Amino acid sequence: MKSAALFTIDHEKCSRDGLCAADCPAGIIAMGASGPEPAAGARRLCINCGHCAAVCPHGALTLRTMPLEQCPPLPDGWRLTPAQVETLLKGRRSVRSYRQEAVPRGVLAKVIDAARFAPTAGNAQAVHWTVIYDPDGVRRVAGAVIDWLREASQTPAMAWAQALVGAWENGRDPVCRSAPHLILAHAPEAQAQMAAADGAIALTFAELAAVSHRLGTCWAGFVMMAAARSAAASAALNLPAGHMLLGGMMIGYPKVEYRRIPLRDEPRVTWR
């Protein structure tokens, strides 16, 4: 066994195939005479992505920050078929009609747990989560958004929002669609610029994971719009101090079951 600041190599298992060095995103693993070893400045440059441990077919490399026994091996046949993936992606729908039935907290926790494996810039993992679990809390957020829309609709550019305000006043919820729960992704403001895409990717992971639990989701676009423009609407989310909203998603059991895949425009692709 050879120990280093970043990783440990079991030389009895190591085949010296160089996969860890070739796959390291930061290029900080070198192949020495006796096997892999940290390159100059490795500890400072390592982003703890775990690629080196994940790519080794022999279980010879243990990263200091993640013991190998805590990194479960991928089972044979874990990849879905192209047809299965295509059906999942095409069959997913944005759900805007929910049953008034609470989703168990443990199920929502599993959805978020899957989303934490979404890629992040530099493996920063800056995305935080807030779940507004109480339906009354979701309605308070929707009401704060409506308050902003009511004021904003007085301007010509936002006149379209008057229809949303009218729907709310007639007992319908055009903001959160009467969903029982709302999931918010957010990050410290100092990291929010780099994390903006990370939040969208993580919520997309959550959206796809929700399908396996027979849950419906819909991006909370009006909530995101209002939070960026209204201090009152942003405050209604009750995010941790110094955090910025990256995205929001309604979630719950759908009232309906979709049976077909609707048409979409053909992809606009330029090949170069």
Protein backbone atom coordinates (compact mmCIF):
# COMPACT_ATOMS: atom_id res chain seq x y z
CA MET A 1 0.00 0.00 0.00
CA LYS A 2 1.26 3.46 -0.88
CA SER A 3 -0.27 6.46 0.93
CA ALA A 4 -0.28 10.03 -0.35
CA ALA A 5 -1.95 13.23 0.72
CA LEU A 6 -4.81 12.68 -1.70
CA PHE A 7 -5.18 8.96 -2.23
CA THR A 8 -4.01 5.51 -1.27
CA ILE A 9 -2.89 2.91 -3.82
CA ASP A 10 -3.10 -0.82 -3.17
CA HIS A 11 -0.20 -2.04 -5.30
CA GLU A 12 -1.36 -5.64 -5.12
CA LYS A 13 -4.57 -4.62 -6.91
CA CYS A 14 -3.17 -1.85 -9.12
CA SER A 15 -2.52 -2.98 -12.72
CA ARG A 16 -0.76 0.30 -13.62
CA ASP A 17 -3.12 0.74 -16.55
CA GLY A 18 -3.07 4.53 -16.05
CA LEU A 19 -6.84 4.94 -16.23
CA CYS A 20 -6.94 7.13 -13.13
CA ALA A 21 -4.27 9.46 -14.52
CA ALA A 22 -5.87 9.61 -17.97
CA ASP A 23 -9.34 10.38 -16.61
CA CYS A 24 -8.44 12.93 -13.90
CA PRO A 25 -10.21 16.19 -14.91
CA ALA A 26 -7.55 18.31 -13.20
CA GLY A 27 -4.66 16.29 -14.60
CA ILE A 28 -3.07 15.91 -11.19
CA ILE A 29 -2.32 12.18 -11.21
CA ALA A 30 0.98 11.11 -12.74
CA MET A 31 2.16 7.60 -13.51
CA GLY A 32 5.39 6.98 -11.64
CA ALA A 33 7.71 4.01 -11.75
CA SER A 34 5.63 2.16 -9.17
CA GLY A 35 2.18 3.37 -10.21
CA PRO A 36 -0.09 6.40 -9.82
CA GLU A 37 1.16 9.29 -7.68
CA PRO A 38 0.06 12.91 -7.11
CA ALA A 39 1.50 15.46 -9.52
CA ALA A 40 2.86 18.80 -8.33
CA GLY A 41 0.20 20.92 -6.59
CA ALA A 42 -2.25 18.04 -6.61
CA ARG A 43 -3.77 18.66 -3.20
CA ARG A 44 -4.49 22.30 -4.03
CA LEU A 45 -6.01 21.53 -7.43
CA CYS A 46 -8.05 18.42 -6.60
CA ILE A 47 -11.82 19.02 -6.87
CA ASN A 48 -12.75 15.75 -5.11
CA CYS A 49 -14.86 14.57 -8.01
CA GLY A 50 -14.02 10.91 -7.38
CA HIS A 51 -13.34 10.07 -11.03
CA CYS A 52 -10.06 8.38 -10.13
CA ALA A 53 -11.70 5.96 -7.71
CA ALA A 54 -14.75 5.44 -9.92
CA VAL A 55 -12.78 4.57 -13.05
CA CYS A 56 -10.45 1.99 -11.48
CA PRO A 57 -11.76 -1.49 -12.39
CA HIS A 58 -9.66 -3.13 -9.66
CA GLY A 59 -10.64 -1.05 -6.62
CA ALA A 60 -6.99 -0.16 -6.14
CA LEU A 61 -7.33 3.59 -5.54
CA THR A 62 -8.98 5.09 -2.46
CA LEU A 63 -9.45 8.85 -2.45
CA ARG A 64 -8.76 10.45 0.90
CA THR A 65 -12.11 12.26 1.00
CA MET A 66 -14.26 9.26 0.10
CA PRO A 67 -13.46 5.78 1.45
CA LEU A 68 -13.95 3.10 -1.17
CA GLU A 69 -16.40 1.16 1.01
CA GLN A 70 -18.71 4.19 0.92
CA CYS A 71 -18.68 4.25 -2.90
CA PRO A 72 -20.94 1.39 -4.03
CA PRO A 73 -19.98 -0.38 -7.25
CA LEU A 74 -22.23 -0.02 -10.28
CA PRO A 75 -24.02 -3.32 -11.00
CA ASP A 76 -23.79 -4.98 -14.37
CA GLY A 77 -26.55 -3.83 -16.70
CA TRP A 78 -27.20 -0.58 -14.84
CA ARG A 79 -27.58 1.46 -18.01
CA LEU A 80 -31.10 1.85 -19.39
CA THR A 81 -31.67 1.01 -23.02
CA PRO A 82 -31.95 3.88 -25.55
CA ALA A 83 -35.63 3.06 -25.95
CA GLN A 84 -36.24 3.27 -22.19
CA VAL A 85 -34.47 6.61 -21.91
CA GLU A 86 -36.27 7.97 -24.96
CA THR A 87 -39.65 6.98 -23.53
CA LEU A 88 -38.83 8.53 -20.16
CA LEU A 89 -37.73 11.84 -21.66
CA LYS A 90 -40.54 12.05 -24.18
CA GLY A 91 -43.22 10.78 -21.81
CA ARG A 92 -42.45 13.20 -18.99
CA ARG A 93 -45.03 15.98 -18.73
CA SER A 94 -45.24 19.27 -16.86
CA VAL A 95 -48.05 18.59 -14.39
CA ARG A 96 -50.41 21.44 -13.57
CA SER A 97 -53.19 19.51 -11.85
CA TYR A 98 -52.46 17.81 -8.51
CA ARG A 99 -54.27 15.62 -6.04
CA GLN A 100 -54.53 17.16 -2.61
CA GLU A 101 -52.59 14.33 -1.05
CA ALA A 102 -49.32 14.84 0.78
CA VAL A 103 -46.24 13.11 -0.58
CA PRO A 104 -44.39 11.37 2.27
CA ARG A 105 -41.33 13.34 3.32
CA GLY A 106 -39.18 10.26 2.80
CA VAL A 107 -40.20 10.10 -0.87
CA LEU A 108 -39.34 13.76 -1.44
CA ALA A 109 -36.04 13.16 0.34
CA LYS A 110 -35.26 10.36 -2.13
CA VAL A 111 -35.97 12.67 -5.06
CA ILE A 112 -33.59 15.28 -3.69
CA ASP A 113 -31.00 12.64 -2.82
CA ALA A 114 -30.92 11.60 -6.49
CA ALA A 115 -30.60 15.23 -7.54
CA ARG A 116 -27.49 15.77 -5.43
CA PHE A 117 -25.58 13.62 -7.92
CA ALA A 118 -26.21 16.13 -10.70
CA PRO A 119 -23.01 17.63 -12.14
CA THR A 120 -21.87 20.97 -10.75
CA ALA A 121 -19.24 23.41 -11.97
CA GLY A 122 -15.87 22.35 -10.58
CA ASN A 123 -17.70 19.88 -8.33
CA ALA A 124 -18.55 22.85 -6.09
CA GLN A 125 -21.84 21.21 -5.00
CA ALA A 126 -23.14 24.64 -4.01
CA VAL A 127 -26.83 23.79 -4.48
CA HIS A 128 -28.94 23.87 -1.30
CA TRP A 129 -32.55 22.76 -1.00
CA THR A 130 -35.65 24.09 0.73
CA VAL A 131 -38.91 22.13 0.66
CA ILE A 132 -42.07 24.09 1.36
CA TYR A 133 -43.99 21.06 2.54
CA ASP A 134 -47.11 22.65 4.02
CA PRO A 135 -49.72 23.38 1.29
CA ASP A 136 -50.64 26.55 3.17
CA GLY A 137 -47.03 27.64 2.85
CA VAL A 138 -47.13 26.99 -0.90
CA ARG A 139 -50.29 29.08 -1.13
CA ARG A 140 -48.65 31.94 0.79
CA VAL A 141 -45.82 31.94 -1.74
CA ALA A 142 -48.34 31.97 -4.59
CA GLY A 143 -50.16 34.88 -2.92
CA ALA A 144 -46.94 36.88 -2.64
CA VAL A 145 -46.29 36.28 -6.34
CA ILE A 146 -49.83 37.40 -7.19
CA ASP A 147 -49.28 40.60 -5.18
CA TRP A 148 -46.28 41.38 -7.34
CA LEU A 149 -48.12 40.43 -10.55
CA ARG A 150 -51.04 42.66 -9.58
CA GLU A 151 -48.73 45.67 -9.34
CA ALA A 152 -46.60 44.73 -12.34
CA SER A 153 -49.67 44.19 -14.54
CA GLN A 154 -50.32 47.94 -14.48
CA THR A 155 -47.44 48.41 -16.91
CA PRO A 156 -48.03 47.75 -20.64
CA ALA A 157 -45.24 45.16 -20.80
CA MET A 158 -46.87 43.09 -18.04
CA ALA A 159 -50.54 43.62 -18.91
CA TRP A 160 -50.81 39.90 -19.66
CA ALA A 161 -50.50 39.23 -15.92
CA GLN A 162 -53.99 40.66 -15.31
CA ALA A 163 -55.45 37.32 -16.42
CA LEU A 164 -53.41 35.53 -13.73
CA VAL A 165 -54.58 37.95 -11.06
CA GLY A 166 -58.17 37.47 -12.20
CA ALA A 167 -57.81 33.68 -11.99
CA TRP A 168 -56.47 33.97 -8.43
CA GLU A 169 -59.35 36.22 -7.42
CA ASN A 170 -61.76 33.64 -8.84
CA GLY A 171 -60.33 30.91 -6.63
CA ARG A 172 -57.77 29.33 -8.93
CA ASP A 173 -54.01 29.19 -8.40
CA PRO A 174 -52.21 29.97 -11.68
CA VAL A 175 -48.84 30.33 -9.90
CA CYS A 176 -48.28 27.05 -8.04
CA ARG A 177 -51.28 25.21 -9.52
CA SER A 178 -52.46 24.19 -6.05
CA ALA A 179 -49.53 21.78 -5.78
CA PRO A 180 -49.14 20.42 -2.25
CA HIS A 181 -45.37 21.01 -2.14
CA LEU A 182 -42.72 23.29 -3.61
CA ILE A 183 -39.03 22.42 -3.95
CA LEU A 184 -36.55 25.30 -4.12
CA ALA A 185 -32.92 25.11 -5.17
CA HIS A 186 -30.71 27.93 -3.92
CA ALA A 187 -27.10 28.82 -3.25
CA PRO A 188 -25.06 31.39 -1.31
CA GLU A 189 -24.98 34.64 -3.28
CA ALA A 190 -21.18 34.43 -3.52
CA GLN A 191 -21.56 31.16 -5.45
CA ALA A 192 -24.86 31.83 -7.21
CA GLN A 193 -23.37 32.99 -10.52
CA MET A 194 -21.50 29.74 -11.06
CA ALA A 195 -24.35 27.75 -9.52
CA ALA A 196 -27.13 29.15 -11.74
CA ALA A 197 -26.80 26.34 -14.25
CA ASP A 198 -26.10 23.84 -11.48
CA GLY A 199 -29.49 24.55 -9.92
CA ALA A 200 -31.29 24.01 -13.22
CA ILE A 201 -29.46 20.74 -13.83
CA ALA A 202 -30.16 19.53 -10.28
CA LEU A 203 -33.86 20.34 -10.58
CA THR A 204 -33.95 18.48 -13.89
CA PHE A 205 -32.46 15.45 -12.13
CA ALA A 206 -35.16 15.83 -9.47
CA GLU A 207 -37.86 16.08 -12.12
CA LEU A 208 -36.76 12.84 -13.77
CA ALA A 209 -36.29 11.07 -10.44
CA ALA A 210 -39.83 12.07 -9.47
CA VAL A 211 -41.24 10.07 -12.38
CA SER A 212 -40.06 6.82 -10.79
CA HIS A 213 -42.12 7.67 -7.69
CA ARG A 214 -45.19 8.38 -9.84
CA LEU A 215 -44.96 12.06 -8.96
CA GLY A 216 -45.70 15.03 -11.17
CA THR A 217 -43.65 18.20 -11.33
CA CYS A 218 -43.74 21.60 -13.00
CA TRP A 219 -41.17 24.38 -13.01
CA ALA A 220 -42.40 27.29 -10.90
CA GLY A 221 -41.61 29.97 -13.46
CA PHE A 222 -43.75 32.72 -11.95
CA VAL A 223 -42.18 32.10 -8.54
CA MET A 224 -38.71 32.40 -10.05
CA MET A 225 -39.68 35.55 -11.96
CA ALA A 226 -41.19 37.26 -8.91
CA ALA A 227 -38.33 36.29 -6.56
CA ALA A 228 -35.87 38.02 -8.90
CA ARG A 229 -37.92 41.24 -9.04
CA SER A 230 -39.79 41.57 -5.76
CA ALA A 231 -38.26 41.74 -2.30
CA ALA A 232 -41.59 40.70 -0.76
CA ALA A 233 -41.93 37.67 -3.02
CA SER A 234 -38.33 36.69 -2.36
CA ALA A 235 -38.86 37.04 1.40
CA ALA A 236 -41.91 34.75 1.20
CA LEU A 237 -39.60 31.89 0.21
CA ASN A 238 -37.78 32.24 3.54
CA LEU A 239 -34.44 31.11 2.16
CA PRO A 240 -31.37 31.20 4.38
CA ALA A 241 -29.82 34.64 4.77
CA GLY A 242 -27.50 35.49 1.92
CA HIS A 243 -28.89 32.84 -0.42
CA MET A 244 -30.24 33.36 -3.93
CA LEU A 245 -32.97 31.32 -5.59
CA LEU A 246 -31.71 29.15 -8.45
CA GLY A 247 -35.02 27.56 -9.35
CA GLY A 248 -38.28 26.20 -8.06
CA MET A 249 -40.47 23.22 -8.86
CA MET A 250 -43.98 22.20 -7.85
CA ILE A 251 -44.34 18.54 -6.95
CA GLY A 252 -47.14 16.20 -5.98
CA TYR A 253 -49.30 13.31 -7.15
CA PRO A 254 -50.90 14.18 -10.51
CA LYS A 255 -54.65 14.10 -10.93
CA VAL A 256 -54.37 12.61 -14.40
CA GLU A 257 -52.40 9.90 -16.19
CA TYR A 258 -50.93 10.78 -19.59
CA ARG A 259 -51.32 8.15 -22.30
CA ARG A 260 -49.53 9.52 -25.37
CA ILE A 261 -46.49 11.54 -26.42
CA PRO A 262 -47.49 14.89 -27.96
CA LEU A 263 -45.71 16.20 -31.05
CA ARG A 264 -42.83 18.66 -30.80
CA ASP A 265 -40.98 20.66 -33.44
CA GLU A 266 -38.13 18.90 -35.16
CA PRO A 267 -34.71 19.77 -33.66
CA ARG A 268 -32.97 22.71 -35.30
CA VAL A 269 -29.44 21.43 -35.71
CA THR A 270 -26.47 22.84 -37.55
CA TRP A 271 -23.75 20.30 -38.31
CA ARG A 272 -20.27 21.72 -38.84
